[in-house]
C-alpha atoms as a PDB file:
ATOM      1  CA  MET A   1      -0.047  -0.070   0.134  1.00  0.00           C
ATOM      2  CA  ASP A   2       1.383   3.148  -1.076  1.00  0.00           C
ATOM      3  CA  GLN A   3       0.921   6.832  -0.383  1.00  0.00           C
ATOM      4  CA  SER A   4      -1.927   7.079  -3.043  1.00  0.00           C
ATOM      5  CA  ALA A   5      -3.864   5.094  -0.345  1.00  0.00           C
ATOM      6  CA  ALA A   6      -3.736   7.755   2.365  1.00  0.00           C
ATOM      7  CA  GLU A   7      -4.477  10.517  -0.835  1.00  0.00           C
ATOM      8  CA  SER A   8      -7.225   8.946  -1.519  1.00  0.00           C
ATOM      9  CA  VAL A   9      -8.837   8.923   2.327  1.00  0.00           C
ATOM     10  CA  CYS A  10      -8.790  12.842   2.519  1.00  0.00           C
ATOM     11  CA  ARG A  11      -7.409  15.882   0.747  1.00  0.00           C
ATOM     12  CA  GLY A  12      -3.736  16.127   1.421  1.00  0.00           C
ATOM     13  CA  GLY A  13      -3.826  12.855   3.090  1.00  0.00           C
ATOM     14  CA  THR A  14      -0.367  10.929   4.601  1.00  0.00           C
ATOM     15  CA  PHE A  15       0.037   7.911   6.574  1.00  0.00           C
ATOM     16  CA  HIS A  16       0.553   9.237  10.136  1.00  0.00           C
ATOM     17  CA  PHE A  17       0.898   6.381  12.834  1.00  0.00           C
ATOM     18  CA  LEU A  18      -0.345   2.257  13.145  1.00  0.00           C
ATOM     19  CA  TYR A  19      -2.487   1.011  15.846  1.00  0.00           C
ATOM     20  CA  ARG A  20      -4.247  -1.584  17.149  1.00  0.00           C
ATOM     21  CA  SER A  21      -7.760  -1.905  16.027  1.00  0.00           C
ATOM     22  CA  SER A  22     -10.543  -3.075  18.580  1.00  0.00           C
ATOM     23  CA  SER A  23     -10.846  -5.962  16.373  1.00  0.00           C
ATOM     24  CA  GLY A  24      -7.407  -6.952  17.018  1.00  0.00           C
ATOM     25  CA  GLY A  25      -6.310  -6.249  13.411  1.00  0.00           C
ATOM     26  CA  LEU A  26      -3.937  -3.012  12.162  1.00  0.00           C
ATOM     27  CA  GLY A  27      -5.492  -0.159  12.565  1.00  0.00           C
ATOM     28  CA  VAL A  28      -3.992   2.952  10.096  1.00  0.00           C
ATOM     29  CA  ALA A  29      -4.301   6.816  10.807  1.00  0.00           C
ATOM     30  CA  VAL A  30      -4.234   9.400   7.859  1.00  0.00           C
ATOM     31  CA  MET A  31      -3.548  12.808   8.576  1.00  0.00           C
ATOM     32  CA  CYS A  32      -5.981  15.142   6.523  1.00  0.00           C
ATOM     33  CA  ASP A  33      -6.487  18.942   5.943  1.00  0.00           C
ATOM     34  CA  SER A  34      -3.170  20.341   6.657  1.00  0.00           C
ATOM     35  CA  SER A  35      -2.751  18.231   9.540  1.00  0.00           C
ATOM     36  CA  THR A  36      -5.544  19.429  11.295  1.00  0.00           C
ATOM     37  CA  ARG A  37      -7.737  16.196  11.661  1.00  0.00           C
ATOM     38  CA  THR A  38      -7.315  12.505  11.606  1.00  0.00           C
ATOM     39  CA  GLU A  39      -9.221   9.846   9.733  1.00  0.00           C
ATOM     40  CA  LEU A  40      -9.024   6.433  11.873  1.00  0.00           C
ATOM     41  CA  LEU A  41      -9.001   3.184   9.447  1.00  0.00           C
ATOM     42  CA  ASN A  42      -8.704  -0.361   9.720  1.00  0.00           C
ATOM     43  CA  TYR A  43      -6.642  -2.131   7.051  1.00  0.00           C
ATOM     44  CA  SER A  44      -8.364  -5.025   5.329  1.00  0.00           C
ATOM     45  CA  GLU A  45      -6.007  -7.654   4.967  1.00  0.00           C
ATOM     46  CA  GLY A  46      -8.443  -9.539   2.443  1.00  0.00           C
ATOM     47  CA  GLY A  47      -8.850  -6.479   0.396  1.00  0.00           C
ATOM     48  CA  ARG A  48      -5.750  -4.835   0.928  1.00  0.00           C
ATOM     49  CA  ARG A  49      -7.702  -1.517   1.462  1.00  0.00           C
ATOM     50  CA  LEU A  50      -8.668   0.950   4.219  1.00  0.00           C
ATOM     51  CA  GLU A  51     -12.068   1.037   6.099  1.00  0.00           C
ATOM     52  CA  PRO A  52     -13.189   3.405   8.002  1.00  0.00           C
ATOM     53  CA  PHE A  53     -14.134   3.143  11.679  1.00  0.00           C
ATOM     54  CA  ILE A  54     -17.525   3.066  12.131  1.00  0.00           C
ATOM     55  CA  SER A  55     -17.578   4.746  15.397  1.00  0.00           C
ATOM     56  CA  HIS A  56     -14.714   7.431  14.455  1.00  0.00           C
ATOM     57  CA  PRO A  57     -15.662   9.276  11.201  1.00  0.00           C
ATOM     58  CA  SER A  58     -13.123  11.857  11.744  1.00  0.00           C
ATOM     59  CA  VAL A  59     -11.754  13.193  14.852  1.00  0.00           C
ATOM     60  CA  PRO A  60      -8.852  16.460  15.797  1.00  0.00           C
ATOM     61  CA  PHE A  61      -5.498  15.780  14.778  1.00  0.00           C
ATOM     62  CA  LEU A  62      -3.892  12.848  16.983  1.00  0.00           C
ATOM     63  CA  GLY A  63      -0.504  11.363  17.754  1.00  0.00           C
ATOM     64  CA  ASP A  64      -1.542   8.000  18.879  1.00  0.00           C
ATOM     65  CA  ALA A  65      -4.749   6.333  19.654  1.00  0.00           C
ATOM     66  CA  PHE A  66      -5.591   2.730  21.723  1.00  0.00           C
ATOM     67  CA  PHE A  67      -9.100   1.223  21.858  1.00  0.00           C
ATOM     68  CA  VAL A  68     -10.969  -0.707  24.273  1.00  0.00           C
ATOM     69  CA  ASP A  69     -14.249  -2.292  24.764  1.00  0.00           C
ATOM     70  CA  GLY A  70     -15.488  -2.363  20.737  1.00  0.00           C
ATOM     71  CA  GLU A  71     -14.624   1.000  19.023  1.00  0.00           C
ATOM     72  CA  SER A  72     -16.657   3.231  21.480  1.00  0.00           C
ATOM     73  CA  ALA A  73     -13.970   3.828  24.157  1.00  0.00           C
ATOM     74  CA  GLY A  74     -10.137   3.663  24.601  1.00  0.00           C
ATOM     75  CA  TYR A  75      -7.696   6.930  24.811  1.00  0.00           C
ATOM     76  CA  ALA A  76      -5.490   9.206  22.512  1.00  0.00           C
ATOM     77  CA  GLU A  77      -2.810  11.297  22.310  1.00  0.00           C
ATOM     78  CA  VAL A  78      -4.424  14.868  21.679  1.00  0.00           C
ATOM     79  CA  ALA A  79      -2.509  17.939  20.509  1.00  0.00           C
ATOM     80  CA  ARG A  80      -3.084  20.956  22.916  1.00  0.00           C
ATOM     81  CA  GLU A  81      -1.437  24.338  23.459  1.00  0.00           C
ATOM     82  CA  CYS A  82       0.486  23.271  26.161  1.00  0.00           C
ATOM     83  CA  GLY A  83       1.896  20.526  24.340  1.00  0.00           C
ATOM     84  CA  MET A  84       0.984  16.693  23.981  1.00  0.00           C
ATOM     85  CA  ALA A  85      -2.375  15.439  26.191  1.00  0.00           C
ATOM     86  CA  VAL A  86      -4.029  12.260  26.616  1.00  0.00           C
ATOM     87  CA  LEU A  87      -7.989  12.475  26.613  1.00  0.00           C
ATOM     88  CA  PRO A  88     -10.428   9.514  26.885  1.00  0.00           C
ATOM     89  CA  PHE A  89     -12.656   8.110  24.169  1.00  0.00           C
ATOM     90  CA  VAL A  90     -16.253   7.583  25.529  1.00  0.00           C
ATOM     91  CA  ASP A  91     -18.701   6.422  23.381  1.00  0.00           C
ATOM     92  CA  GLY A  92     -16.630   7.096  20.471  1.00  0.00           C
ATOM     93  CA  LYS A  93     -15.803  10.734  21.074  1.00  0.00           C
ATOM     94  CA  LEU A  94     -12.850  12.315  22.539  1.00  0.00           C
ATOM     95  CA  GLU A  95     -14.033  13.727  26.008  1.00  0.00           C
ATOM     96  CA  GLU A  96     -12.550  16.606  28.155  1.00  0.00           C
ATOM     97  CA  SER A  97     -10.904  15.189  30.991  1.00  0.00           C
ATOM     98  CA  ASP A  98      -7.809  16.507  33.400  1.00  0.00           C
ATOM     99  CA  PHE A  99      -7.337  14.578  36.398  1.00  0.00           C
ATOM    100  CA  ALA A 100      -4.483  15.737  38.461  1.00  0.00           C
ATOM    101  CA  MET A 101      -1.732  12.715  39.729  1.00  0.00           C
ATOM    102  CA  THR A 102       1.175  12.942  41.332  1.00  0.00           C
ATOM    103  CA  VAL A 103       4.878  11.008  40.578  1.00  0.00           C
ATOM    104  CA  SER A 104       7.485  11.265  42.938  1.00  0.00           C
ATOM    105  CA  GLY A 105       6.045  13.970  44.670  1.00  0.00           C
ATOM    106  CA  ASN A 106       5.450  15.850  41.848  1.00  0.00           C
ATOM    107  CA  SER A 107       1.781  17.194  41.071  1.00  0.00           C
ATOM    108  CA  PHE A 108       0.383  17.091  37.111  1.00  0.00           C
ATOM    109  CA  ARG A 109      -1.998  16.982  34.707  1.00  0.00           C
ATOM    110  CA  ILE A 110      -2.226  14.827  31.557  1.00  0.00           C
ATOM    111  CA  GLY A 111      -5.490  16.431  29.582  1.00  0.00           C
ATOM    112  CA  GLY A 112      -3.465  19.561  29.159  1.00  0.00           C
ATOM    113  CA  VAL A 113      -6.475  21.712  30.259  1.00  0.00           C
ATOM    114  CA  ASP A 114      -4.979  25.223  29.798  1.00  0.00           C
ATOM    115  CA  VAL A 115      -4.361  25.882  33.901  1.00  0.00           C
ATOM    116  CA  GLY A 116      -0.592  26.907  33.183  1.00  0.00           C
ATOM    117  CA  CYS A 117       1.826  24.687  31.454  1.00  0.00           C
ATOM    118  CA  GLU A 118       3.933  24.642  34.574  1.00  0.00           C
ATOM    119  CA  SER A 119       1.133  22.028  35.649  1.00  0.00           C
ATOM    120  CA  VAL A 120       1.075  19.928  32.188  1.00  0.00           C
ATOM    121  CA  ALA A 121       2.661  17.045  31.620  1.00  0.00           C
ATOM    122  CA  ARG A 122       3.450  15.922  27.623  1.00  0.00           C
ATOM    123  CA  ALA A 123       1.716  12.874  27.904  1.00  0.00           C
ATOM    124  CA  ARG A 124       1.790  10.619  24.950  1.00  0.00           C
ATOM    125  CA  SER A 125       1.083   6.826  23.395  1.00  0.00           C
ATOM    126  CA  PRO A 126      -1.679   5.757  25.948  1.00  0.00           C
ATOM    127  CA  ILE A 127      -2.273   1.913  25.967  1.00  0.00           C
ATOM    128  CA  VAL A 128      -4.454  -0.231  28.572  1.00  0.00           C
ATOM    129  CA  LEU A 129      -2.994  -3.323  30.244  1.00  0.00           C
ATOM    130  CA  ASP A 130      -5.149  -5.307  32.811  1.00  0.00           C
ATOM    131  CA  GLY A 131      -7.501  -2.174  33.245  1.00  0.00           C
ATOM    132  CA  LYS A 132      -4.575  -0.028  33.707  1.00  0.00           C
ATOM    133  CA  LEU A 133      -3.668   2.947  32.086  1.00  0.00           C
ATOM    134  CA  PHE A 134      -0.095   3.237  30.560  1.00  0.00           C
ATOM    135  CA  PHE A 135       1.844   6.506  29.077  1.00  0.00           C
ATOM    136  CA  LEU A 136       4.963   8.212  28.576  1.00  0.00           C
ATOM    137  CA  ILE A 137       6.097  11.748  30.353  1.00  0.00           C
ATOM    138  CA  PRO A 138       9.107  13.589  30.298  1.00  0.00           C
ATOM    139  CA  ASP A 139      11.464  13.188  32.619  1.00  0.00           C
ATOM    140  CA  SER A 140      11.160  16.854  34.073  1.00  0.00           C
ATOM    141  CA  ARG A 141       7.463  15.565  35.057  1.00  0.00           C
ATOM    142  CA  GLY A 142       5.987  18.888  34.506  1.00  0.00           C
ATOM    143  CA  ALA A 143       7.640  20.033  31.158  1.00  0.00           C
ATOM    144  CA  ALA A 144       9.238  22.882  32.606  1.00  0.00           C
ATOM    145  CA  SER A 145      12.550  22.155  31.212  1.00  0.00           C
ATOM    146  CA  ALA A 146      11.093  20.617  27.774  1.00  0.00           C
ATOM    147  CA  SER A 147       9.617  23.718  26.446  1.00  0.00           C
ATOM    148  CA  SER A 148      10.755  22.991  22.878  1.00  0.00           C
ATOM    149  CA  PRO A 149      10.683  19.522  20.952  1.00  0.00           C
ATOM    150  CA  LYS A 150      14.443  19.819  20.933  1.00  0.00           C
ATOM    151  CA  ALA A 151      14.435  19.918  24.390  1.00  0.00           C
ATOM    152  CA  LEU A 152      11.926  16.934  24.475  1.00  0.00           C
ATOM    153  CA  ASP A 153      14.674  14.789  22.280  1.00  0.00           C
ATOM    154  CA  GLU A 154      16.851  15.231  24.946  1.00  0.00           C
ATOM    155  CA  VAL A 155      15.374  14.303  28.220  1.00  0.00           C
ATOM    156  CA  GLY A 156      14.447  10.856  29.607  1.00  0.00           C
ATOM    157  CA  TRP A 157      11.094   9.751  29.311  1.00  0.00           C
ATOM    158  CA  LEU A 158       9.353   7.698  32.141  1.00  0.00           C
ATOM    159  CA  LEU A 159       6.782   4.690  31.650  1.00  0.00           C
ATOM    160  CA  VAL A 160       3.837   5.402  33.923  1.00  0.00           C
ATOM    161  CA  GLN A 161       0.709   3.501  35.270  1.00  0.00           C
ATOM    162  CA  TRP A 162      -2.315   4.700  36.266  1.00  0.00           C
ATOM    163  CA  ASP A 163      -4.424   2.562  37.948  1.00  0.00           C
ATOM    164  CA  PRO A 164      -8.009   4.280  37.980  1.00  0.00           C
ATOM    165  CA  GLU A 165      -9.349   2.325  41.168  1.00  0.00           C
ATOM    166  CA  VAL A 166      -7.390   3.714  43.373  1.00  0.00           C
ATOM    167  CA  ARG A 167      -6.307   7.022  41.747  1.00  0.00           C
ATOM    168  CA  GLU A 168      -2.462   6.337  42.119  1.00  0.00           C
ATOM    169  CA  SER A 169       0.141   6.383  39.533  1.00  0.00           C
ATOM    170  CA  THR A 170       3.944   4.684  39.130  1.00  0.00           C
ATOM    171  CA  ILE A 171       6.724   5.189  37.581  1.00  0.00           C
ATOM    172  CA  ILE A 172       7.502   1.921  36.015  1.00  0.00           C
ATOM    173  CA  VAL A 173      10.833   2.026  34.141  1.00  0.00           C
ATOM    174  CA  GLU A 174      13.052   5.090  31.783  1.00  0.00           C
ATOM    175  CA  ILE A 175      12.440   4.758  28.344  1.00  0.00           C
ATOM    176  CA  PRO A 176      16.195   5.518  26.428  1.00  0.00           C
ATOM    177  CA  GLY A 177      14.689   8.179  23.981  1.00  0.00           C
ATOM    178  CA  ILE A 178      11.127   9.070  22.333  1.00  0.00           C
ATOM    179  CA  ALA A 179       9.236   6.464  22.119  1.00  0.00           C
ATOM    180  CA  HIS A 180       5.632   4.775  21.420  1.00  0.00           C
ATOM    181  CA  LEU A 181       4.030   1.891  23.239  1.00  0.00           C
ATOM    182  CA  ALA A 182       1.910  -1.351  22.146  1.00  0.00           C
ATOM    183  CA  THR A 183       0.363  -4.035  23.915  1.00  0.00           C
ATOM    184  CA  ASN A 184      -0.966  -7.027  23.075  1.00  0.00           C
ATOM    185  CA  GLY A 185      -3.072  -7.563  26.013  1.00  0.00           C
ATOM    186  CA  GLN A 186      -0.414  -9.213  27.894  1.00  0.00           C
ATOM    187  CA  ASP A 187       3.127  -7.972  26.902  1.00  0.00           C
ATOM    188  CA  ILE A 188       4.079  -4.454  26.403  1.00  0.00           C
ATOM    189  CA  VAL A 189       6.600  -3.579  23.621  1.00  0.00           C
ATOM    190  CA  VAL A 190       8.089   0.197  23.191  1.00  0.00           C
ATOM    191  CA  ALA A 191       9.507   1.085  19.650  1.00  0.00           C
ATOM    192  CA  VAL A 192      12.424   4.014  20.419  1.00  0.00           C
ATOM    193  CA  HIS A 193      13.702   6.838  18.114  1.00  0.00           C
ATOM    194  CA  SER A 194      16.666   8.340  20.406  1.00  0.00           C
ATOM    195  CA  ARG A 195      19.691  10.165  19.697  1.00  0.00           C
ATOM    196  CA  GLY A 196      21.667   8.135  21.703  1.00  0.00           C
ATOM    197  CA  GLU A 197      22.083   4.172  21.941  1.00  0.00           C
ATOM    198  CA  GLY A 198      18.428   3.696  22.890  1.00  0.00           C
ATOM    199  CA  GLY A 199      16.633   3.329  19.177  1.00  0.00           C
ATOM    200  CA  GLY A 200      15.333  -0.209  18.676  1.00  0.00           C
ATOM    201  CA  VAL A 201      12.421  -2.034  20.051  1.00  0.00           C
ATOM    202  CA  TRP A 202      12.288  -3.303  23.637  1.00  0.00           C
ATOM    203  CA  SER A 203       9.791  -4.911  25.828  1.00  0.00           C
ATOM    204  CA  VAL A 204       9.065  -4.246  29.739  1.00  0.00           C
ATOM    205  CA  ASP A 205       8.062  -6.058  32.133  1.00  0.00           C
ATOM    206  CA  PRO A 206       5.881  -3.551  34.020  1.00  0.00           C
ATOM    207  CA  ILE A 207       6.155  -5.713  37.451  1.00  0.00           C
ATOM    208  CA  ALA A 208       9.266  -5.598  37.405  1.00  0.00           C
ATOM    209  CA  GLY A 209      10.388  -2.376  36.151  1.00  0.00           C
ATOM    210  CA  GLU A 210      12.700  -3.853  33.882  1.00  0.00           C
ATOM    211  CA  LEU A 211      13.711  -3.422  29.711  1.00  0.00           C
ATOM    212  CA  SER A 212      14.928  -5.587  27.421  1.00  0.00           C
ATOM    213  CA  ARG A 213      15.611  -5.100  23.810  1.00  0.00           C
ATOM    214  CA  ILE A 214      14.380  -7.260  21.210  1.00  0.00           C
ATOM    215  CA  VAL A 215      15.397  -5.608  18.004  1.00  0.00           C
ATOM    216  CA  ASP A 216      18.620  -3.255  17.657  1.00  0.00           C
ATOM    217  CA  GLY A 217      18.216  -0.819  15.039  1.00  0.00           C
ATOM    218  CA  GLY A 218      18.059   2.713  14.412  1.00  0.00           C
ATOM    219  CA  ASP A 219      14.487   4.932  15.148  1.00  0.00           C
ATOM    220  CA  SER A 220      11.787   3.164  15.297  1.00  0.00           C
ATOM    221  CA  TRP A 221       8.038   4.248  15.365  1.00  0.00           C
ATOM    222  CA  HIS A 222       4.433   3.184  16.427  1.00  0.00           C
ATOM    223  CA  PRO A 223       4.553  -0.754  16.918  1.00  0.00           C
ATOM    224  CA  SER A 224       1.470  -2.736  16.829  1.00  0.00           C
ATOM    225  CA  PHE A 225       0.652  -6.233  17.454  1.00  0.00           C
ATOM    226  CA  SER A 226      -1.000  -8.781  15.201  1.00  0.00           C
ATOM    227  CA  PRO A 227      -4.315 -10.414  16.001  1.00  0.00           C
ATOM    228  CA  SER A 228      -2.141 -13.473  17.402  1.00  0.00           C
ATOM    229  CA  GLY A 229      -0.215 -11.248  19.850  1.00  0.00           C
ATOM    230  CA  LYS A 230       2.707 -12.385  19.213  1.00  0.00           C
ATOM    231  CA  GLU A 231       3.877 -10.767  15.695  1.00  0.00           C
ATOM    232  CA  PHE A 232       4.200  -7.137  16.073  1.00  0.00           C
ATOM    233  CA  VAL A 233       4.841  -4.016  12.955  1.00  0.00           C
ATOM    234  CA  TYR A 234       6.433  -0.965  13.434  1.00  0.00           C
ATOM    235  CA  ILE A 235       7.873   1.821  11.559  1.00  0.00           C
ATOM    236  CA  GLU A 236      11.487   2.242  11.041  1.00  0.00           C
ATOM    237  CA  GLY A 237      13.749   5.289  10.126  1.00  0.00           C
ATOM    238  CA  LEU A 238      10.046   6.873   9.039  1.00  0.00           C
ATOM    239  CA  ASP A 239       9.855   5.201   5.498  1.00  0.00           C
ATOM    240  CA  ARG A 240       9.316   1.622   5.879  1.00  0.00           C
ATOM    241  CA  LEU A 241       7.279  -1.285   7.583  1.00  0.00           C
ATOM    242  CA  GLU A 242       9.380  -3.982   9.745  1.00  0.00           C
ATOM    243  CA  PHE A 243       7.944  -7.473  11.058  1.00  0.00           C
ATOM    244  CA  ASP A 244       9.466  -9.306  13.951  1.00  0.00           C
ATOM    245  CA  SER A 245       8.264 -11.808  16.677  1.00  0.00           C
ATOM    246  CA  LEU A 246       8.572 -11.628  20.562  1.00  0.00           C
ATOM    247  CA  PRO A 247      11.171 -14.334  22.129  1.00  0.00           C
ATOM    248  CA  ALA A 248       9.960 -17.355  22.700  1.00  0.00           C
END
């Protein structure tokens, strides 16, 4: 599937990111109208075509998405005035939500509501595992020292777990660069693009708080698992898809 498939979706359409659709298949996001909105689509392997989500005909600009409970619920990475934020999908629509959380004594918000950028975390790449929300934030916690895209490329990133039942957050592990998460419902992998030596794909043990590199390589982006949960696909170098599998 080449760029013409994205252009057929909308004016100025370009492929943006991959995600695991609610049916367990491959989802493809297409950026439209000068990057002002995102079309979420399912990839039909049999027909080798893109089919739109019924519940999500069009949404504002997104950086990432994760769905649970069919196509009506999940989370998305959304552009806000103070940077990227994480908002929930409720009944197929993005919902304003800006709960405060505390990590290592630092309080901040991940919803990006304009309450002062010093208290807003630049949250990204949401996934859900065992009813808990996982996402990434800069090591600066409140992002006060990460005020530019260049700065965000140089700071460390933290994988955070949020438990909605007890409303508690926990730092799981530091990630060696800007990254994207994926889960098959049991395992977590993280694709990293970094100026250092952290590039490639890593597996995460959220209980032990440990990282293991499973794919060496350069800049890696937007992993997505196969329906079986054993294989995954990711974007390498922003120009090609690479396929791999979890270690036995």
